[in-house]
Amino acid sequence: SNGQSQVSTQPAAPASNGNGTPAIEFRHLHRYFGR
């Protein structure tokens, strides 16, 4: 399901796209420790 997270005591999120801004998004995340 789609939706846009908002809580009145928190800063407003940037404008969402047509599908709604994800509350959590990992986007091609990499984390290396040496090799």
PDB file of all heavy atoms in Angstrom:
ATOM      1  N   SER A   1       0.833  -1.197   0.000  1.00  0.00           N
ATOM      2  CA  SER A   1       0.000   0.000   0.000  1.00  0.00           C
ATOM      3  C   SER A   1       0.862   1.238   0.000  1.00  0.00           C
ATOM      4  O   SER A   1       1.984   1.240   0.450  1.00  0.00           O
ATOM      5  CB  SER A   1      -0.888  -0.010   1.253  1.00  0.00           C
ATOM      6  OG  SER A   1      -0.091   0.045   2.409  1.00  0.00           O
ATOM      7  N   ASN A   2       0.304   2.301  -0.536  1.00  0.00           N
ATOM      8  CA  ASN A   2       1.036   3.554  -0.630  1.00  0.00           C
ATOM      9  C   ASN A   2       0.456   4.573   0.322  1.00  0.00           C
ATOM     10  O   ASN A   2      -0.711   4.568   0.667  1.00  0.00           O
ATOM     11  CB  ASN A   2       0.963   4.106  -2.060  1.00  0.00           C
ATOM     12  CG  ASN A   2       1.638   3.183  -3.040  1.00  0.00           C
ATOM     13  OD1 ASN A   2       2.553   2.459  -2.678  1.00  0.00           O
ATOM     14  ND2 ASN A   2       1.184   3.199  -4.268  1.00  0.00           N
ATOM     15  N   GLY A   3       1.296   5.506   0.725  1.00  0.00           N
ATOM     16  CA  GLY A   3       0.837   6.561   1.611  1.00  0.00           C
ATOM     17  C   GLY A   3       1.968   7.504   1.896  1.00  0.00           C
ATOM     18  O   GLY A   3       3.092   7.276   1.519  1.00  0.00           O
ATOM     19  N   GLN A   4       1.657   8.575   2.597  1.00  0.00           N
ATOM     20  CA  GLN A   4       2.674   9.583   2.918  1.00  0.00           C
ATOM     21  C   GLN A   4       2.685   9.805   4.409  1.00  0.00           C
ATOM     22  O   GLN A   4       1.691  10.123   5.024  1.00  0.00           O
ATOM     23  CB  GLN A   4       2.350  10.896   2.209  1.00  0.00           C
ATOM     24  CG  GLN A   4       3.459  11.941   2.399  1.00  0.00           C
ATOM     25  CD  GLN A   4       3.188  13.158   1.564  1.00  0.00           C
ATOM     26  OE1 GLN A   4       2.287  13.154   0.762  1.00  0.00           O
ATOM     27  NE2 GLN A   4       3.980  14.178   1.740  1.00  0.00           N
ATOM     28  N   SER A   5       3.842   9.570   5.052  1.00  0.00           N
ATOM     29  CA  SER A   5       3.954   9.722   6.498  1.00  0.00           C
ATOM     30  C   SER A   5       3.978  11.193   6.859  1.00  0.00           C
ATOM     31  O   SER A   5       4.679  11.975   6.245  1.00  0.00           O
ATOM     32  CB  SER A   5       5.232   9.047   6.994  1.00  0.00           C
ATOM     33  OG  SER A   5       5.178   7.668   6.761  1.00  0.00           O
ATOM     34  N   GLN A   6       3.194  11.553   7.876  1.00  0.00           N
ATOM     35  CA  GLN A   6       3.283  12.917   8.370  1.00  0.00           C
ATOM     36  C   GLN A   6       2.792  12.942   9.815  1.00  0.00           C
ATOM     37  O   GLN A   6       1.833  12.312  10.180  1.00  0.00           O
ATOM     38  CB  GLN A   6       2.457  13.879   7.510  1.00  0.00           C
ATOM     39  CG  GLN A   6       1.005  13.461   7.282  1.00  0.00           C
ATOM     40  CD  GLN A   6       0.306  14.390   6.342  1.00  0.00           C
ATOM     41  OE1 GLN A   6       0.910  15.266   5.743  1.00  0.00           O
ATOM     42  NE2 GLN A   6      -0.985  14.219   6.207  1.00  0.00           N
ATOM     43  N   VAL A   7       3.501  13.637  10.676  1.00  0.00           N
ATOM     44  CA  VAL A   7       3.144  13.828  12.066  1.00  0.00           C
ATOM     45  C   VAL A   7       3.238  15.318  12.334  1.00  0.00           C
ATOM     46  O   VAL A   7       4.228  15.952  11.972  1.00  0.00           O
ATOM     47  CB  VAL A   7       4.089  13.035  13.001  1.00  0.00           C
ATOM     48  CG1 VAL A   7       3.754  13.314  14.453  1.00  0.00           C
ATOM     49  CG2 VAL A   7       3.981  11.552  12.708  1.00  0.00           C
ATOM     50  N   SER A   8       2.244  15.870  12.977  1.00  0.00           N
ATOM     51  CA  SER A   8       2.151  17.327  13.080  1.00  0.00           C
ATOM     52  C   SER A   8       3.333  17.952  13.809  1.00  0.00           C
ATOM     53  O   SER A   8       3.689  19.082  13.551  1.00  0.00           O
ATOM     54  CB  SER A   8       0.851  17.711  13.798  1.00  0.00           C
ATOM     55  OG  SER A   8       0.813  17.136  15.092  1.00  0.00           O
ATOM     56  N   THR A   9       3.960  17.192  14.715  1.00  0.00           N
ATOM     57  CA  THR A   9       5.064  17.762  15.481  1.00  0.00           C
ATOM     58  C   THR A   9       6.397  17.630  14.774  1.00  0.00           C
ATOM     59  O   THR A   9       7.425  18.016  15.316  1.00  0.00           O
ATOM     60  CB  THR A   9       5.166  17.042  16.835  1.00  0.00           C
ATOM     61  OG1 THR A   9       5.371  15.645  16.602  1.00  0.00           O
ATOM     62  CG2 THR A   9       3.921  17.245  17.662  1.00  0.00           C
ATOM     63  N   GLN A  10       6.401  17.111  13.557  1.00  0.00           N
ATOM     64  CA  GLN A  10       7.645  16.856  12.850  1.00  0.00           C
ATOM     65  C   GLN A  10       7.684  17.667  11.561  1.00  0.00           C
ATOM     66  O   GLN A  10       6.649  18.086  11.043  1.00  0.00           O
ATOM     67  CB  GLN A  10       7.755  15.359  12.518  1.00  0.00           C
ATOM     68  CG  GLN A  10       7.800  14.511  13.781  1.00  0.00           C
ATOM     69  CD  GLN A  10       7.366  13.102  13.539  1.00  0.00           C
ATOM     70  OE1 GLN A  10       6.882  12.792  12.465  1.00  0.00           O
ATOM     71  NE2 GLN A  10       7.537  12.250  14.520  1.00  0.00           N
ATOM     72  N   PRO A  11       8.894  17.898  11.012  1.00  0.00           N
ATOM     73  CA  PRO A  11       8.983  18.667   9.782  1.00  0.00           C
ATOM     74  C   PRO A  11       8.283  17.976   8.636  1.00  0.00           C
ATOM     75  O   PRO A  11       8.287  16.765   8.533  1.00  0.00           O
ATOM     76  CB  PRO A  11      10.504  18.747   9.529  1.00  0.00           C
ATOM     77  CG  PRO A  11      11.088  17.626  10.309  1.00  0.00           C
ATOM     78  CD  PRO A  11      10.208  17.445  11.496  1.00  0.00           C
ATOM     79  N   ALA A  12       7.649  18.768   7.790  1.00  0.00           N
ATOM     80  CA  ALA A  12       6.955  18.186   6.648  1.00  0.00           C
ATOM     81  C   ALA A  12       7.954  17.605   5.673  1.00  0.00           C
ATOM     82  O   ALA A  12       9.035  18.148   5.466  1.00  0.00           O
ATOM     83  CB  ALA A  12       6.116  19.261   5.949  1.00  0.00           C
ATOM     84  N   ALA A  13       7.592  16.445   5.082  1.00  0.00           N
ATOM     85  CA  ALA A  13       8.473  15.806   4.110  1.00  0.00           C
ATOM     86  C   ALA A  13       8.394  16.539   2.782  1.00  0.00           C
ATOM     87  O   ALA A  13       7.428  17.254   2.497  1.00  0.00           O
ATOM     88  CB  ALA A  13       8.060  14.346   3.929  1.00  0.00           C
ATOM     89  N   PRO A  14       9.409  16.359   1.930  1.00  0.00           N
ATOM     90  CA  PRO A  14       9.338  16.947   0.606  1.00  0.00           C
ATOM     91  C   PRO A  14       8.119  16.440  -0.155  1.00  0.00           C
ATOM     92  O   PRO A  14       7.563  15.400   0.155  1.00  0.00           O
ATOM     93  CB  PRO A  14      10.645  16.464  -0.050  1.00  0.00           C
ATOM     94  CG  PRO A  14      11.548  16.117   1.075  1.00  0.00           C
ATOM     95  CD  PRO A  14      10.670  15.656   2.173  1.00  0.00           C
ATOM     96  N   ALA A  15       7.712  17.194  -1.156  1.00  0.00           N
ATOM     97  CA  ALA A  15       6.545  16.805  -1.941  1.00  0.00           C
ATOM     98  C   ALA A  15       6.725  15.415  -2.517  1.00  0.00           C
ATOM     99  O   ALA A  15       7.790  15.050  -2.994  1.00  0.00           O
ATOM    100  CB  ALA A  15       6.316  17.806  -3.072  1.00  0.00           C
ATOM    101  N   SER A  16       5.667  14.606  -2.452  1.00  0.00           N
ATOM    102  CA  SER A  16       5.747  13.236  -2.939  1.00  0.00           C
ATOM    103  C   SER A  16       5.449  13.180  -4.418  1.00  0.00           C
ATOM    104  O   SER A  16       4.891  14.089  -5.010  1.00  0.00           O
ATOM    105  CB  SER A  16       4.746  12.362  -2.176  1.00  0.00           C
ATOM    106  OG  SER A  16       3.425  12.756  -2.485  1.00  0.00           O
ATOM    107  N   ASN A  17       5.818  12.033  -5.012  1.00  0.00           N
ATOM    108  CA  ASN A  17       5.442  11.803  -6.394  1.00  0.00           C
ATOM    109  C   ASN A  17       4.044  11.224  -6.433  1.00  0.00           C
ATOM    110  O   ASN A  17       3.370  11.118  -5.424  1.00  0.00           O
ATOM    111  CB  ASN A  17       6.455  10.873  -7.083  1.00  0.00           C
ATOM    112  CG  ASN A  17       6.584   9.530  -6.373  1.00  0.00           C
ATOM    113  OD1 ASN A  17       5.640   9.071  -5.736  1.00  0.00           O
ATOM    114  ND2 ASN A  17       7.748   8.922  -6.460  1.00  0.00           N
ATOM    115  N   GLY A  18       3.603  10.827  -7.595  1.00  0.00           N
ATOM    116  CA  GLY A  18       2.236  10.337  -7.736  1.00  0.00           C
ATOM    117  C   GLY A  18       1.940   9.098  -6.931  1.00  0.00           C
ATOM    118  O   GLY A  18       0.798   8.829  -6.591  1.00  0.00           O
ATOM    119  N   ASN A  19       2.958   8.296  -6.593  1.00  0.00           N
ATOM    120  CA  ASN A  19       2.748   7.074  -5.837  1.00  0.00           C
ATOM    121  C   ASN A  19       2.865   7.292  -4.338  1.00  0.00           C
ATOM    122  O   ASN A  19       2.663   6.377  -3.558  1.00  0.00           O
ATOM    123  CB  ASN A  19       3.769   6.008  -6.265  1.00  0.00           C
ATOM    124  CG  ASN A  19       3.561   5.581  -7.705  1.00  0.00           C
ATOM    125  OD1 ASN A  19       2.425   5.500  -8.156  1.00  0.00           O
ATOM    126  ND2 ASN A  19       4.637   5.327  -8.414  1.00  0.00           N
ATOM    127  N   GLY A  20       3.201   8.487  -3.891  1.00  0.00           N
ATOM    128  CA  GLY A  20       3.404   8.738  -2.473  1.00  0.00           C
ATOM    129  C   GLY A  20       4.857   8.531  -2.091  1.00  0.00           C
ATOM    130  O   GLY A  20       5.543   7.656  -2.614  1.00  0.00           O
ATOM    131  N   THR A  21       5.344   9.343  -1.174  1.00  0.00           N
ATOM    132  CA  THR A  21       6.722   9.233  -0.714  1.00  0.00           C
ATOM    133  C   THR A  21       6.860   8.030   0.202  1.00  0.00           C
ATOM    134  O   THR A  21       6.120   7.916   1.183  1.00  0.00           O
ATOM    135  CB  THR A  21       7.137  10.503   0.039  1.00  0.00           C
ATOM    136  OG1 THR A  21       7.023  11.629  -0.838  1.00  0.00           O
ATOM    137  CG2 THR A  21       8.573  10.394   0.541  1.00  0.00           C
ATOM    138  N   PRO A  22       7.795   7.131  -0.041  1.00  0.00           N
ATOM    139  CA  PRO A  22       8.004   6.013   0.888  1.00  0.00           C
ATOM    140  C   PRO A  22       8.434   6.541   2.251  1.00  0.00           C
ATOM    141  O   PRO A  22       9.181   7.524   2.354  1.00  0.00           O
ATOM    142  CB  PRO A  22       9.128   5.207   0.235  1.00  0.00           C
ATOM    143  CG  PRO A  22       9.142   5.630  -1.207  1.00  0.00           C
ATOM    144  CD  PRO A  22       8.685   7.061  -1.216  1.00  0.00           C
ATOM    145  N   ALA A  23       7.962   5.902   3.312  1.00  0.00           N
ATOM    146  CA  ALA A  23       8.435   6.253   4.643  1.00  0.00           C
ATOM    147  C   ALA A  23       9.879   5.798   4.834  1.00  0.00           C
ATOM    148  O   ALA A  23      10.652   6.448   5.522  1.00  0.00           O
ATOM    149  CB  ALA A  23       7.536   5.627   5.706  1.00  0.00           C
ATOM    150  N   ILE A  24      10.212   4.672   4.227  1.00  0.00           N
ATOM    151  CA  ILE A  24      11.578   4.129   4.250  1.00  0.00           C
ATOM    152  C   ILE A  24      11.960   3.753   2.830  1.00  0.00           C
ATOM    153  O   ILE A  24      11.181   3.108   2.128  1.00  0.00           O
ATOM    154  CB  ILE A  24      11.678   2.880   5.145  1.00  0.00           C
ATOM    155  CG1 ILE A  24      11.418   3.229   6.610  1.00  0.00           C
ATOM    156  CG2 ILE A  24      13.045   2.197   4.998  1.00  0.00           C
ATOM    157  CD1 ILE A  24      11.281   2.012   7.502  1.00  0.00           C
ATOM    158  N   GLU A  25      13.144   4.158   2.409  1.00  0.00           N
ATOM    159  CA  GLU A  25      13.640   3.730   1.100  1.00  0.00           C
ATOM    160  C   GLU A  25      15.148   3.533   1.156  1.00  0.00           C
ATOM    161  O   GLU A  25      15.891   4.423   1.568  1.00  0.00           O
ATOM    162  CB  GLU A  25      13.301   4.747   0.014  1.00  0.00           C
ATOM    163  CG  GLU A  25      13.782   4.290  -1.364  1.00  0.00           C
ATOM    164  CD  GLU A  25      13.413   5.255  -2.473  1.00  0.00           C
ATOM    165  OE1 GLU A  25      12.953   6.380  -2.162  1.00  0.00           O
ATOM    166  OE2 GLU A  25      13.575   4.878  -3.650  1.00  0.00           O
ATOM    167  N   PHE A  26      15.582   2.347   0.760  1.00  0.00           N
ATOM    168  CA  PHE A  26      16.990   2.070   0.513  1.00  0.00           C
ATOM    169  C   PHE A  26      17.195   2.103  -0.993  1.00  0.00           C
ATOM    170  O   PHE A  26      16.476   1.424  -1.731  1.00  0.00           O
ATOM    171  CB  PHE A  26      17.396   0.699   1.053  1.00  0.00           C
ATOM    172  CG  PHE A  26      17.430   0.623   2.554  1.00  0.00           C
ATOM    173  CD1 PHE A  26      16.331   0.150   3.264  1.00  0.00           C
ATOM    174  CD2 PHE A  26      18.548   1.015   3.261  1.00  0.00           C
ATOM    175  CE1 PHE A  26      16.355   0.073   4.642  1.00  0.00           C
ATOM    176  CE2 PHE A  26      18.588   0.939   4.641  1.00  0.00           C
ATOM    177  CZ  PHE A  26      17.486   0.471   5.331  1.00  0.00           C
ATOM    178  N   ARG A  27      18.160   2.879  -1.426  1.00  0.00           N
ATOM    179  CA  ARG A  27      18.364   3.057  -2.867  1.00  0.00           C
ATOM    180  C   ARG A  27      19.811   2.705  -3.224  1.00  0.00           C
ATOM    181  O   ARG A  27      20.724   3.473  -3.000  1.00  0.00           O
ATOM    182  CB  ARG A  27      18.037   4.506  -3.256  1.00  0.00           C
ATOM    183  CG  ARG A  27      17.930   4.743  -4.748  1.00  0.00           C
ATOM    184  CD  ARG A  27      17.609   6.211  -5.040  1.00  0.00           C
ATOM    185  NE  ARG A  27      16.320   6.639  -4.497  1.00  0.00           N
ATOM    186  CZ  ARG A  27      15.902   7.904  -4.492  1.00  0.00           C
ATOM    187  NH1 ARG A  27      16.692   8.869  -4.977  1.00  0.00           N
ATOM    188  NH2 ARG A  27      14.727   8.208  -3.987  1.00  0.00           N
ATOM    189  N   HIS A  28      20.002   1.500  -3.754  1.00  0.00           N
ATOM    190  CA  HIS A  28      21.325   1.017  -4.191  1.00  0.00           C
ATOM    191  C   HIS A  28      22.385   1.262  -3.110  1.00  0.00           C
ATOM    192  O   HIS A  28      23.448   1.807  -3.372  1.00  0.00           O
ATOM    193  CB  HIS A  28      21.727   1.676  -5.510  1.00  0.00           C
ATOM    194  CG  HIS A  28      20.762   1.411  -6.619  1.00  0.00           C
ATOM    195  ND1 HIS A  28      20.554   0.155  -7.143  1.00  0.00           N
ATOM    196  CD2 HIS A  28      19.921   2.254  -7.286  1.00  0.00           C
ATOM    197  CE1 HIS A  28      19.639   0.223  -8.104  1.00  0.00           C
ATOM    198  NE2 HIS A  28      19.234   1.483  -8.203  1.00  0.00           N
ATOM    199  N   LEU A  29      22.056   0.825  -1.899  1.00  0.00           N
ATOM    200  CA  LEU A  29      22.924   1.069  -0.758  1.00  0.00           C
ATOM    201  C   LEU A  29      24.082   0.068  -0.726  1.00  0.00           C
ATOM    202  O   LEU A  29      23.881  -1.144  -0.867  1.00  0.00           O
ATOM    203  CB  LEU A  29      22.112   0.947   0.530  1.00  0.00           C
ATOM    204  CG  LEU A  29      22.780   1.462   1.801  1.00  0.00           C
ATOM    205  CD1 LEU A  29      22.842   2.975   1.790  1.00  0.00           C
ATOM    206  CD2 LEU A  29      22.010   0.975   3.032  1.00  0.00           C
ATOM    207  N   HIS A  30      25.282   0.591  -0.529  1.00  0.00           N
ATOM    208  CA  HIS A  30      26.479  -0.231  -0.364  1.00  0.00           C
ATOM    209  C   HIS A  30      27.208   0.214   0.903  1.00  0.00           C
ATOM    210  O   HIS A  30      27.279   1.406   1.190  1.00  0.00           O
ATOM    211  CB  HIS A  30      27.448  -0.084  -1.538  1.00  0.00           C
ATOM    212  CG  HIS A  30      26.902  -0.570  -2.855  1.00  0.00           C
ATOM    213  ND1 HIS A  30      26.007   0.168  -3.595  1.00  0.00           N
ATOM    214  CD2 HIS A  30      27.146  -1.705  -3.559  1.00  0.00           C
ATOM    215  CE1 HIS A  30      25.715  -0.488  -4.716  1.00  0.00           C
ATOM    216  NE2 HIS A  30      26.394  -1.632  -4.700  1.00  0.00           N
ATOM    217  N   ARG A  31      27.751  -0.756   1.628  1.00  0.00           N
ATOM    218  CA  ARG A  31      28.634  -0.432   2.755  1.00  0.00           C
ATOM    219  C   ARG A  31      29.728  -1.494   2.813  1.00  0.00           C
ATOM    220  O   ARG A  31      29.449  -2.676   3.019  1.00  0.00           O
ATOM    221  CB  ARG A  31      27.862  -0.407   4.073  1.00  0.00           C
ATOM    222  CG  ARG A  31      28.748  -0.038   5.286  1.00  0.00           C
ATOM    223  CD  ARG A  31      29.279   1.375   5.159  1.00  0.00           C
ATOM    224  NE  ARG A  31      29.922   1.855   6.376  1.00  0.00           N
ATOM    225  CZ  ARG A  31      31.245   1.913   6.556  1.00  0.00           C
ATOM    226  NH1 ARG A  31      32.066   1.489   5.584  1.00  0.00           N
ATOM    227  NH2 ARG A  31      31.751   2.372   7.681  1.00  0.00           N
ATOM    228  N   TYR A  32      30.950  -1.052   2.564  1.00  0.00           N
ATOM    229  CA  TYR A  32      32.097  -1.952   2.550  1.00  0.00           C
ATOM    230  C   TYR A  32      32.980  -1.681   3.759  1.00  0.00           C
ATOM    231  O   TYR A  32      33.172  -0.540   4.167  1.00  0.00           O
ATOM    232  CB  TYR A  32      32.924  -1.769   1.272  1.00  0.00           C
ATOM    233  CG  TYR A  32      32.172  -1.993  -0.022  1.00  0.00           C
ATOM    234  CD1 TYR A  32      32.649  -1.454  -1.222  1.00  0.00           C
ATOM    235  CD2 TYR A  32      30.986  -2.715  -0.062  1.00  0.00           C
ATOM    236  CE1 TYR A  32      31.977  -1.650  -2.419  1.00  0.00           C
ATOM    237  CE2 TYR A  32      30.302  -2.906  -1.252  1.00  0.00           C
ATOM    238  CZ  TYR A  32      30.790  -2.372  -2.420  1.00  0.00           C
ATOM    239  OH  TYR A  32      30.122  -2.557  -3.600  1.00  0.00           O
ATOM    240  N   PHE A  33      33.524  -2.743   4.328  1.00  0.00           N
ATOM    241  CA  PHE A  33      34.546  -2.656   5.362  1.00  0.00           C
ATOM    242  C   PHE A  33      35.791  -3.350   4.811  1.00  0.00           C
ATOM    243  O   PHE A  33      35.903  -4.571   4.877  1.00  0.00           O
ATOM    244  CB  PHE A  33      34.073  -3.332   6.651  1.00  0.00           C
ATOM    245  CG  PHE A  33      32.857  -2.673   7.261  1.00  0.00           C
ATOM    246  CD1 PHE A  33      31.580  -3.156   6.989  1.00  0.00           C
ATOM    247  CD2 PHE A  33      32.986  -1.571   8.087  1.00  0.00           C
ATOM    248  CE1 PHE A  33      30.463  -2.567   7.543  1.00  0.00           C
ATOM    249  CE2 PHE A  33      31.867  -0.969   8.654  1.00  0.00           C
ATOM    250  CZ  PHE A  33      30.608  -1.465   8.377  1.00  0.00           C
ATOM    251  N   GLY A  34      36.678  -2.554   4.216  1.00  0.00           N
ATOM    252  CA  GLY A  34      37.802  -3.153   3.507  1.00  0.00           C
ATOM    253  C   GLY A  34      37.280  -3.942   2.320  1.00  0.00           C
ATOM    254  O   GLY A  34      36.543  -3.428   1.481  1.00  0.00           O
ATOM    255  N   ARG A  35      37.608  -5.222   2.273  1.00  0.00           N
ATOM    256  CA  ARG A  35      37.155  -6.065   1.169  1.00  0.00           C
ATOM    257  C   ARG A  35      35.799  -6.714   1.446  1.00  0.00           C
ATOM    258  O   ARG A  35      35.223  -7.346   0.558  1.00  0.00           O
ATOM    259  CB  ARG A  35      38.204  -7.155   0.909  1.00  0.00           C
ATOM    260  CG  ARG A  35      39.575  -6.593   0.527  1.00  0.00           C
ATOM    261  CD  ARG A  35      40.612  -7.680   0.338  1.00  0.00           C
ATOM    262  NE  ARG A  35      40.277  -8.557  -0.787  1.00  0.00           N
ATOM    263  CZ  ARG A  35      41.023  -9.602  -1.146  1.00  0.00           C
ATOM    264  NH1 ARG A  35      42.123  -9.905  -0.463  1.00  0.00           N
ATOM    265  NH2 ARG A  35      40.674 -10.342  -2.170  1.00  0.00           N
TER     266      ARG A  35
END
